[in-house]
Amino acid sequence: MFDINLLRNDIAATAERMKARNYVIDTAAFEALEAERKALQIQTQELQQQRNALSKAVGQAKAAKDEAKAQQLLAEVAAVPEKVKANELALAGVQERVNAILMAMPNLPQADVPMGKDSDENVEQRRWYPNGKAARTIDFEVKDHLALGEALTSATGPQLDFEAGVKLSGTRFTVMRGPLARMHRALSQFMLDTHVNEHGFTECYVPYIVNAESMTGTGQLPKFEEDLFKVPMPSEEGGEVKNRYLIPTSEVSLTNFVRDTLVDANTLPMRLTAHTPCFRSEAGSYGRDTRGMIRQHQFDKVEMVYITKPDESNAMLEEMTGNAEKILQKLGLPYRVMLLCTGDMGFVATKTYDLEVWLPAQNTYREISSCSNCEAFQARRMGARYKNAAGKNEPVHTLNGSGLAVGRTLVAVMENYQNADGSITVPEVLRSYMGGLSVIR
């Protein structure tokens, strides 16, 4: 949630900074609500002072044995709580409207984030190639992952079967069989093992269905509800049916571990990872990447989440990005790192690096990981705090990143490791996960 103090202290400067996110603050509406809030708080304080003064006067009247005066004052005292209650209800209504404004506002970009409107203005940071010079030269007709996967057969059908996905569920679903399905599983296991054994993460198993509070905590609700798959479920007592949600990423589950929690400072930074399926409706993406596995309703991802102290979060962003890069390097996949501009960052992010992997069939780079520092934005929504060095409660900082998107990594392996006969060489780091298999035919 956006820091309300930035609006209260200098709303004009904050509104100017927010233009970089293509967001316009209704300053008049906020200032009107603030004026109403202050007036109600002053009235409530005056009423409480009035009640105290009247109570004191009652005592004085009784001491003077003026019963009539005491009864009159008691009647006035009795009327004050109703007035206070009415003010408190009005104040709660104002606060609800203020919170709605704050919930709709994106995070502010850090000072070193480049200004820009869209992905065309992102800034390349570096590239990496297995041989240090360039991507592999393929001296035969390059096939995309669809052609490769559908030509690979198994005992029960194509190893990559989009028709079966449509038959079972509809468009943007995929069936995998045989060695290709095994390599998909191998990739997730390899990623998890690397993050746990080499990068210091704690592996977690998390729910795939979460409540609205969890989605709100990490910023999916209320803004992105149309992007989510809802699951109406009764309460544990069998009562009211409420929507729960299929996770769009395990960031939701992992980050909400610290919701409504005063985190022990000695446990920071937390490094959490999980492999889960992810579910996205892809609202607004009609006609984009409809063929293949790039944009699916269901896909697997290994997620990285950091919970840190504020002064460590930028260093953790660099570390997390490096962790994702290490996976690509071990797999021998060419990639580049992009610093996203202000107009292309996600809603909750204050700084983001995208890793884009080289896809020979498309002759371009495509996103395979996004690593973001959210600073205190999610923590304020979740009520996640720690006791700082001064002994005061302060929001933690949260970060998240893909380590990596499994399906897109499979696509990259298939296209970069394809052979002239349509077979796919298995990267060396995956062979132990695949029973020693070196080529998928």
Protein backbone atom coordinates (compact mmCIF):
# COMPACT_ATOMS: atom_id res chain seq x y z
CA MET A 1 0.00 0.00 0.00
CA PHE A 2 1.19 3.48 -0.80
CA ASP A 3 2.73 5.43 2.08
CA ILE A 4 0.10 7.96 3.17
CA ASN A 5 2.77 10.19 4.75
CA LEU A 6 4.08 11.02 1.27
CA LEU A 7 0.66 12.45 0.43
CA ARG A 8 0.23 14.25 3.74
CA ASN A 9 3.69 15.82 3.74
CA ASP A 10 3.93 16.98 0.10
CA ILE A 11 1.11 15.83 -2.14
CA ALA A 12 2.16 18.11 -5.02
CA ALA A 13 5.67 16.65 -5.22
CA THR A 14 4.32 13.10 -4.86
CA ALA A 15 1.76 13.67 -7.64
CA GLU A 16 4.55 14.92 -9.90
CA ARG A 17 6.68 11.83 -9.17
CA MET A 18 3.68 9.56 -9.76
CA LYS A 19 3.34 10.81 -13.32
CA ALA A 20 6.34 8.61 -14.10
CA ARG A 21 4.06 5.63 -13.41
CA ASN A 22 1.40 7.03 -15.77
CA TYR A 23 -0.80 7.57 -12.73
CA VAL A 24 -2.68 10.77 -11.86
CA ILE A 25 -3.44 11.45 -8.19
CA ASP A 26 -6.77 13.17 -7.52
CA THR A 27 -5.20 15.66 -5.13
CA ALA A 28 -8.45 17.56 -4.55
CA ALA A 29 -10.29 14.41 -3.48
CA PHE A 30 -7.51 13.39 -1.10
CA GLU A 31 -7.20 16.85 0.43
CA ALA A 32 -10.98 17.02 0.95
CA LEU A 33 -10.93 13.67 2.75
CA GLU A 34 -7.99 14.78 4.88
CA ALA A 35 -9.85 17.95 5.87
CA GLU A 36 -12.92 15.89 6.79
CA ARG A 37 -10.77 13.47 8.79
CA LYS A 38 -9.11 16.25 10.75
CA ALA A 39 -12.46 17.95 11.49
CA LEU A 40 -13.98 14.69 12.76
CA GLN A 41 -10.93 13.95 14.93
CA ILE A 42 -11.08 17.45 16.44
CA GLN A 43 -14.82 17.08 17.11
CA THR A 44 -14.24 13.69 18.75
CA GLN A 45 -11.51 15.11 20.98
CA GLU A 46 -13.78 18.02 21.94
CA LEU A 47 -16.61 15.64 22.78
CA GLN A 48 -14.30 13.56 24.96
CA GLN A 49 -13.13 16.71 26.74
CA GLN A 50 -16.75 17.76 27.15
CA ARG A 51 -17.61 14.37 28.68
CA ASN A 52 -14.73 14.69 31.15
CA ALA A 53 -15.78 18.22 32.12
CA LEU A 54 -19.40 17.18 32.57
CA SER A 55 -18.42 14.17 34.67
CA LYS A 56 -16.37 16.45 36.89
CA ALA A 57 -19.31 18.86 37.17
CA VAL A 58 -21.59 15.98 38.17
CA GLY A 59 -19.26 15.19 41.05
CA GLN A 60 -19.24 18.82 42.11
CA ALA A 61 -23.05 19.05 41.97
CA LYS A 62 -23.40 15.92 44.06
CA ALA A 63 -20.88 17.24 46.55
CA ALA A 64 -23.00 20.39 46.80
CA LYS A 65 -26.10 18.17 47.20
CA ASP A 66 -27.67 19.80 44.13
CA GLU A 67 -29.42 16.66 42.88
CA ALA A 68 -31.40 18.45 40.17
CA LYS A 69 -28.23 19.88 38.69
CA ALA A 70 -26.51 16.51 38.95
CA GLN A 71 -29.34 14.78 37.06
CA GLN A 72 -29.29 17.43 34.34
CA LEU A 73 -25.54 16.99 33.90
CA LEU A 74 -25.84 13.19 33.90
CA ALA A 75 -28.33 13.46 31.03
CA GLU A 76 -25.85 15.58 29.10
CA VAL A 77 -23.06 13.06 29.83
CA ALA A 78 -25.26 10.21 28.59
CA ALA A 79 -25.75 11.95 25.23
CA VAL A 80 -22.01 12.30 24.53
CA PRO A 81 -21.22 8.62 23.75
CA GLU A 82 -23.82 8.57 20.97
CA LYS A 83 -22.23 11.66 19.42
CA VAL A 84 -18.76 10.09 19.76
CA LYS A 85 -20.02 6.87 18.16
CA ALA A 86 -21.52 8.79 15.24
CA ASN A 87 -18.21 10.58 14.73
CA GLU A 88 -16.26 7.32 14.89
CA LEU A 89 -18.53 5.78 12.23
CA ALA A 90 -18.08 8.84 10.02
CA LEU A 91 -14.31 8.69 10.58
CA ALA A 92 -14.26 5.00 9.63
CA GLY A 93 -16.07 5.87 6.41
CA VAL A 94 -13.50 8.54 5.59
CA GLN A 95 -10.66 6.14 6.35
CA GLU A 96 -12.23 3.52 4.06
CA ARG A 97 -12.29 6.04 1.20
CA VAL A 98 -8.68 7.05 1.92
CA ASN A 99 -7.62 3.39 1.91
CA ALA A 100 -9.35 2.88 -1.44
CA ILE A 101 -7.20 5.69 -2.88
CA LEU A 102 -4.03 4.22 -1.37
CA MET A 103 -4.86 0.69 -2.57
CA ALA A 104 -5.23 1.89 -6.15
CA MET A 105 -1.89 3.73 -6.26
CA PRO A 106 1.20 1.99 -7.68
CA ASN A 107 4.56 2.02 -5.93
CA LEU A 108 6.95 4.89 -6.59
CA PRO A 109 10.06 4.10 -8.69
CA GLN A 110 13.51 4.40 -7.19
CA ALA A 111 15.62 7.36 -8.31
CA ASP A 112 17.83 5.29 -10.65
CA VAL A 113 14.92 3.72 -12.55
CA PRO A 114 14.91 5.11 -16.11
CA MET A 115 11.96 7.27 -17.18
CA GLY A 116 9.90 5.75 -19.97
CA LYS A 117 6.43 4.90 -21.23
CA ASP A 118 6.76 1.22 -22.17
CA SER A 119 9.12 -1.71 -22.77
CA ASP A 120 10.77 0.08 -25.70
CA GLU A 121 12.45 2.36 -23.15
CA ASN A 122 13.85 -0.35 -20.86
CA VAL A 123 17.63 -0.22 -20.51
CA GLU A 124 19.87 -3.21 -21.22
CA GLN A 125 22.38 -3.89 -18.43
CA ARG A 126 24.37 -6.84 -19.75
CA ARG A 127 24.32 -9.96 -21.94
CA TRP A 128 25.65 -13.46 -21.36
CA TYR A 129 26.56 -16.17 -23.87
CA PRO A 130 27.81 -19.71 -23.20
CA ASN A 131 30.93 -19.08 -25.28
CA GLY A 132 31.28 -15.48 -24.12
CA LYS A 133 30.78 -14.08 -27.63
CA ALA A 134 27.42 -14.85 -29.21
CA ALA A 135 24.47 -17.21 -29.29
CA ARG A 136 24.94 -20.56 -31.01
CA THR A 137 24.93 -20.45 -34.81
CA ILE A 138 22.35 -22.91 -36.13
CA ASP A 139 23.25 -23.92 -39.69
CA PHE A 140 19.98 -25.69 -40.49
CA GLU A 141 16.33 -24.61 -40.65
CA VAL A 142 15.39 -23.50 -37.15
CA LYS A 143 12.16 -24.95 -35.74
CA ASP A 144 10.13 -23.42 -32.95
CA HIS A 145 9.20 -25.40 -29.85
CA LEU A 146 5.75 -26.25 -31.26
CA ALA A 147 7.15 -27.94 -34.35
CA LEU A 148 9.86 -29.66 -32.33
CA GLY A 149 7.55 -30.93 -29.60
CA GLU A 150 4.72 -32.10 -31.84
CA ALA A 151 7.20 -34.06 -34.00
CA LEU A 152 8.65 -35.85 -30.97
CA THR A 153 6.57 -38.93 -30.27
CA SER A 154 5.88 -41.09 -27.25
CA ALA A 155 4.00 -44.36 -26.81
CA THR A 156 0.75 -42.43 -26.24
CA GLY A 157 1.05 -39.43 -28.55
CA PRO A 158 3.12 -36.33 -29.25
CA GLN A 159 5.46 -35.33 -26.44
CA LEU A 160 4.09 -31.78 -26.70
CA ASP A 161 0.35 -31.93 -27.40
CA PHE A 162 -1.62 -28.71 -27.71
CA GLU A 163 -4.68 -30.41 -29.21
CA ALA A 164 -5.04 -32.56 -26.11
CA GLY A 165 -4.78 -29.44 -23.95
CA VAL A 166 -7.62 -27.83 -25.89
CA LYS A 167 -9.67 -31.04 -25.66
CA LEU A 168 -9.24 -31.27 -21.89
CA SER A 169 -9.52 -27.60 -20.94
CA GLY A 170 -9.46 -25.14 -23.84
CA THR A 171 -6.93 -22.81 -25.39
CA ARG A 172 -3.73 -21.88 -23.50
CA PHE A 173 -3.41 -25.32 -21.91
CA THR A 174 -0.81 -27.96 -22.84
CA VAL A 175 -0.24 -31.68 -22.39
CA MET A 176 3.31 -33.08 -22.21
CA ARG A 177 4.31 -36.75 -22.41
CA GLY A 178 7.38 -38.94 -22.17
CA PRO A 179 10.93 -37.51 -22.02
CA LEU A 180 9.74 -33.94 -22.63
CA ALA A 181 7.43 -34.12 -19.61
CA ARG A 182 10.34 -35.56 -17.64
CA MET A 183 12.59 -32.68 -18.70
CA HIS A 184 9.95 -30.20 -17.56
CA ARG A 185 10.01 -31.89 -14.14
CA ALA A 186 13.81 -32.07 -14.20
CA LEU A 187 14.06 -28.34 -14.77
CA SER A 188 11.99 -27.53 -11.68
CA GLN A 189 13.97 -29.96 -9.53
CA PHE A 190 17.27 -28.57 -10.82
CA MET A 191 16.16 -25.00 -10.08
CA LEU A 192 15.01 -25.85 -6.55
CA ASP A 193 18.19 -27.79 -5.77
CA THR A 194 20.36 -24.92 -6.98
CA HIS A 195 18.49 -22.30 -4.96
CA VAL A 196 18.47 -24.42 -1.80
CA ASN A 197 21.99 -25.88 -1.98
CA GLU A 198 23.88 -22.95 -3.50
CA HIS A 199 21.83 -19.81 -2.83
CA GLY A 200 20.71 -20.39 0.76
CA PHE A 201 16.94 -20.61 0.24
CA THR A 202 14.47 -22.52 2.38
CA GLU A 203 12.32 -24.76 0.20
CA CYS A 204 8.59 -24.47 0.94
CA TYR A 205 5.40 -26.25 -0.06
CA VAL A 206 2.46 -23.84 -0.14
CA PRO A 207 -1.29 -23.80 -0.86
CA TYR A 208 -2.32 -23.22 -4.46
CA ILE A 209 -5.64 -21.69 -3.33
CA VAL A 210 -5.51 -18.63 -1.08
CA ASN A 211 -7.95 -16.24 0.54
CA ALA A 212 -8.69 -12.65 -0.44
CA GLU A 213 -6.54 -11.31 2.40
CA SER A 214 -3.47 -12.99 0.91
CA MET A 215 -4.19 -11.61 -2.56
CA THR A 216 -4.72 -8.14 -1.11
CA GLY A 217 -1.49 -8.35 0.87
CA THR A 218 0.69 -8.78 -2.21
CA GLY A 219 -1.28 -6.38 -4.42
CA GLN A 220 -3.32 -8.64 -6.72
CA LEU A 221 -6.55 -7.40 -5.13
CA PRO A 222 -8.45 -5.26 -5.65
CA LYS A 223 -6.76 -3.92 -8.80
CA PHE A 224 -6.16 -7.15 -10.76
CA GLU A 225 -9.17 -9.27 -9.87
CA GLU A 226 -10.02 -9.88 -13.53
CA ASP A 227 -6.64 -11.59 -13.99
CA LEU A 228 -7.40 -14.20 -11.31
CA PHE A 229 -9.25 -17.51 -11.28
CA LYS A 230 -11.85 -17.51 -8.48
CA VAL A 231 -12.92 -20.56 -6.50
CA PRO A 232 -16.17 -20.04 -4.53
CA MET A 233 -15.80 -22.01 -1.30
CA PRO A 234 -17.90 -22.24 1.88
CA SER A 235 -16.31 -21.37 5.19
CA GLU A 236 -14.91 -24.14 7.37
CA GLU A 237 -18.21 -24.17 9.27
CA GLY A 238 -20.13 -24.71 6.04
CA GLY A 239 -21.56 -21.21 6.15
CA GLU A 240 -21.12 -18.22 3.86
CA VAL A 241 -19.57 -18.93 0.46
CA LYS A 242 -16.59 -16.68 -0.24
CA ASN A 243 -14.22 -16.42 -3.18
CA ARG A 244 -10.78 -17.87 -2.82
CA TYR A 245 -8.24 -17.65 -5.59
CA LEU A 246 -5.85 -19.87 -7.54
CA ILE A 247 -2.39 -18.37 -7.08
CA PRO A 248 -0.94 -16.48 -10.07
CA THR A 249 2.50 -17.10 -8.50
CA SER A 250 3.74 -18.59 -5.23
CA GLU A 251 4.95 -15.09 -4.35
CA VAL A 252 1.44 -14.67 -2.91
CA SER A 253 1.71 -17.63 -0.54
CA LEU A 254 5.37 -17.13 0.41
CA THR A 255 5.20 -13.38 1.06
CA ASN A 256 2.07 -13.72 3.18
CA PHE A 257 3.97 -15.92 5.64
CA VAL A 258 4.73 -12.64 7.45
CA ARG A 259 1.27 -11.06 7.19
CA ASP A 260 0.12 -9.56 10.51
CA THR A 261 3.46 -10.51 12.04
CA LEU A 262 6.16 -8.75 14.05
CA VAL A 263 9.12 -10.52 12.44
CA ASP A 264 12.14 -11.37 14.55
CA ALA A 265 14.94 -9.15 13.19
CA ASN A 266 17.42 -12.00 13.73
CA THR A 267 15.60 -14.09 11.07
CA LEU A 268 16.16 -11.45 8.37
CA PRO A 269 16.82 -11.71 5.53
CA MET A 270 14.49 -14.64 4.84
CA ARG A 271 15.08 -16.45 1.54
CA LEU A 272 12.07 -18.57 0.54
CA THR A 273 11.51 -20.66 -2.58
CA ALA A 274 8.75 -22.92 -3.88
CA HIS A 275 7.82 -24.76 -7.05
CA THR A 276 4.11 -24.46 -7.87
CA PRO A 277 1.71 -24.35 -10.74
CA CYS A 278 0.52 -20.81 -11.42
CA PHE A 279 -2.87 -19.78 -12.81
CA ARG A 280 -3.61 -16.61 -14.78
CA SER A 281 -6.66 -15.68 -16.82
CA GLU A 282 -4.46 -13.56 -19.14
CA ALA A 283 -7.19 -10.90 -19.26
CA GLY A 284 -6.31 -8.26 -21.82
CA SER A 285 -3.89 -10.51 -23.73
CA TYR A 286 -6.35 -11.69 -26.39
CA GLY A 287 -4.48 -12.55 -29.57
CA ARG A 288 -1.02 -12.43 -27.96
CA ASP A 289 1.16 -15.58 -27.95
CA THR A 290 -1.84 -17.83 -28.58
CA ARG A 291 0.38 -20.53 -30.08
CA GLY A 292 2.72 -22.52 -27.89
CA MET A 293 3.75 -22.33 -24.25
CA ILE A 294 4.79 -18.69 -23.86
CA ARG A 295 1.48 -17.45 -22.44
CA GLN A 296 -0.58 -20.16 -20.70
CA HIS A 297 -3.46 -20.19 -18.22
CA GLN A 298 -1.57 -22.83 -16.20
CA PHE A 299 2.20 -22.94 -15.97
CA ASP A 300 4.89 -23.92 -13.46
CA LYS A 301 7.34 -21.58 -11.81
CA VAL A 302 10.05 -21.72 -9.18
CA GLU A 303 9.70 -18.53 -7.16
CA MET A 304 12.18 -16.64 -4.99
CA VAL A 305 10.95 -14.39 -2.17
CA TYR A 306 13.05 -12.26 0.17
CA ILE A 307 11.88 -10.65 3.42
CA THR A 308 14.55 -8.12 4.44
CA LYS A 309 15.46 -5.07 6.47
CA PRO A 310 15.05 -1.82 4.49
CA ASP A 311 18.78 -1.07 4.26
CA GLU A 312 19.43 -4.51 2.73
CA SER A 313 16.71 -4.70 0.09
CA ASN A 314 18.61 -3.23 -2.87
CA ALA A 315 21.57 -5.54 -2.24
CA MET A 316 19.09 -8.44 -2.07
CA LEU A 317 17.64 -7.40 -5.45
CA GLU A 318 21.08 -7.70 -7.03
CA GLU A 319 21.62 -11.06 -5.30
CA MET A 320 18.23 -12.40 -6.42
CA THR A 321 18.83 -11.35 -10.02
CA GLY A 322 22.20 -13.07 -9.88
CA ASN A 323 20.54 -16.25 -8.61
CA ALA A 324 18.22 -16.33 -11.62
CA GLU A 325 21.14 -15.63 -13.94
CA LYS A 326 23.04 -18.56 -12.45
CA ILE A 327 20.25 -20.95 -13.48
CA LEU A 328 20.44 -19.73 -17.09
CA GLN A 329 24.22 -19.93 -17.08
CA LYS A 330 24.22 -23.51 -15.77
CA LEU A 331 21.77 -24.41 -18.54
CA GLY A 332 23.95 -22.67 -21.13
CA LEU A 333 21.14 -20.39 -22.33
CA PRO A 334 22.00 -16.95 -23.80
CA TYR A 335 20.20 -14.08 -22.07
CA ARG A 336 20.22 -10.38 -21.36
CA VAL A 337 19.31 -8.35 -18.24
CA MET A 338 17.00 -5.36 -18.66
CA LEU A 339 16.33 -2.58 -16.14
CA LEU A 340 12.65 -1.75 -16.57
CA CYS A 341 11.62 1.86 -17.09
CA THR A 342 8.97 3.61 -14.99
CA GLY A 343 6.18 2.85 -17.45
CA ASP A 344 6.87 -0.88 -17.71
CA MET A 345 7.29 -1.84 -14.03
CA GLY A 346 4.68 -3.88 -12.19
CA PHE A 347 2.17 -2.27 -9.84
CA VAL A 348 3.95 -3.22 -6.59
CA ALA A 349 7.56 -2.77 -7.75
CA THR A 350 9.91 0.11 -7.06
CA LYS A 351 12.74 -1.36 -9.19
CA THR A 352 12.73 -4.37 -11.52
CA TYR A 353 15.21 -6.36 -13.57
CA ASP A 354 13.86 -8.62 -16.30
CA LEU A 355 15.91 -11.56 -17.58
CA GLU A 356 15.19 -12.27 -21.23
CA VAL A 357 16.31 -15.55 -22.80
CA TRP A 358 17.28 -15.94 -26.45
CA LEU A 359 14.76 -17.87 -28.58
CA PRO A 360 16.29 -18.77 -31.99
CA ALA A 361 12.95 -19.45 -33.71
CA GLN A 362 11.68 -15.98 -32.84
CA ASN A 363 15.12 -14.42 -33.37
CA THR A 364 14.58 -12.37 -30.25
CA TYR A 365 14.80 -12.31 -26.46
CA ARG A 366 11.73 -13.13 -24.35
CA GLU A 367 11.15 -12.58 -20.63
CA ILE A 368 11.90 -15.63 -18.47
CA SER A 369 12.30 -13.97 -15.06
CA SER A 370 11.29 -10.72 -13.41
CA CYS A 371 13.02 -9.72 -10.16
CA SER A 372 11.53 -6.83 -8.18
CA ASN A 373 12.14 -4.87 -5.02
CA CYS A 374 8.78 -3.83 -3.57
CA GLU A 375 10.32 -2.07 -0.54
CA ALA A 376 7.60 -1.55 2.14
CA PHE A 377 4.67 -1.44 -0.31
CA GLN A 378 3.43 -5.00 0.31
CA ALA A 379 4.46 -4.94 3.97
CA ARG A 380 2.17 -1.99 4.71
CA ARG A 381 -0.74 -3.86 3.11
CA MET A 382 0.09 -7.01 5.09
CA GLY A 383 0.97 -5.44 8.44
CA ALA A 384 4.42 -7.10 8.29
CA ARG A 385 6.89 -5.35 10.62
CA TYR A 386 10.11 -5.87 12.51
CA LYS A 387 11.71 -4.04 15.44
CA ASN A 388 14.50 -1.85 14.07
CA ALA A 389 17.76 -0.90 15.79
CA ALA A 390 16.02 1.99 17.53
CA GLY A 391 13.48 -0.41 19.00
CA LYS A 392 10.60 0.88 16.86
CA ASN A 393 8.28 -1.22 14.73
CA GLU A 394 8.97 -0.64 11.04
CA PRO A 395 7.66 -2.33 7.86
CA VAL A 396 9.95 -4.98 6.39
CA HIS A 397 10.91 -4.86 2.72
CA THR A 398 9.78 -7.62 0.36
CA LEU A 399 11.24 -8.81 -2.94
CA ASN A 400 10.19 -11.48 -5.41
CA GLY A 401 11.52 -13.01 -8.59
CA SER A 402 11.18 -15.99 -10.90
CA GLY A 403 13.89 -18.53 -10.54
CA LEU A 404 12.70 -19.45 -13.27
CA ALA A 405 9.45 -19.85 -15.21
CA VAL A 406 9.67 -23.59 -15.95
CA GLY A 407 7.65 -23.75 -19.17
CA ARG A 408 9.50 -20.86 -20.78
CA THR A 409 12.80 -22.43 -19.74
CA LEU A 410 11.73 -25.67 -21.42
CA VAL A 411 10.93 -23.69 -24.58
CA ALA A 412 14.38 -22.07 -24.46
CA VAL A 413 16.13 -25.42 -23.97
CA MET A 414 14.21 -27.02 -26.84
CA GLU A 415 14.99 -24.23 -29.29
CA ASN A 416 18.62 -23.61 -28.28
CA TYR A 417 19.52 -27.32 -28.04
CA GLN A 418 17.70 -28.52 -31.18
CA ASN A 419 19.47 -30.67 -33.73
CA ALA A 420 19.06 -30.96 -37.50
CA ASP A 421 17.16 -34.28 -37.20
CA GLY A 422 14.57 -32.74 -34.82
CA SER A 423 16.07 -34.26 -31.70
CA ILE A 424 16.94 -32.17 -28.62
CA THR A 425 20.19 -32.48 -26.73
CA VAL A 426 19.66 -32.57 -22.97
CA PRO A 427 21.79 -29.96 -21.14
CA GLU A 428 24.47 -31.66 -19.06
CA VAL A 429 23.17 -30.29 -15.73
CA LEU A 430 19.81 -32.02 -16.32
CA ARG A 431 21.06 -35.47 -17.31
CA SER A 432 21.33 -36.80 -13.77
CA TYR A 433 17.66 -35.82 -13.28
CA MET A 434 16.72 -37.76 -16.41
CA GLY A 435 18.35 -41.09 -15.76
CA GLY A 436 21.39 -40.20 -17.84
CA LEU A 437 19.38 -39.43 -21.00
CA SER A 438 21.49 -37.19 -23.29
CA VAL A 439 19.18 -36.74 -26.30
CA ILE A 440 15.39 -36.63 -26.66
CA ARG A 441 14.35 -38.23 -29.96
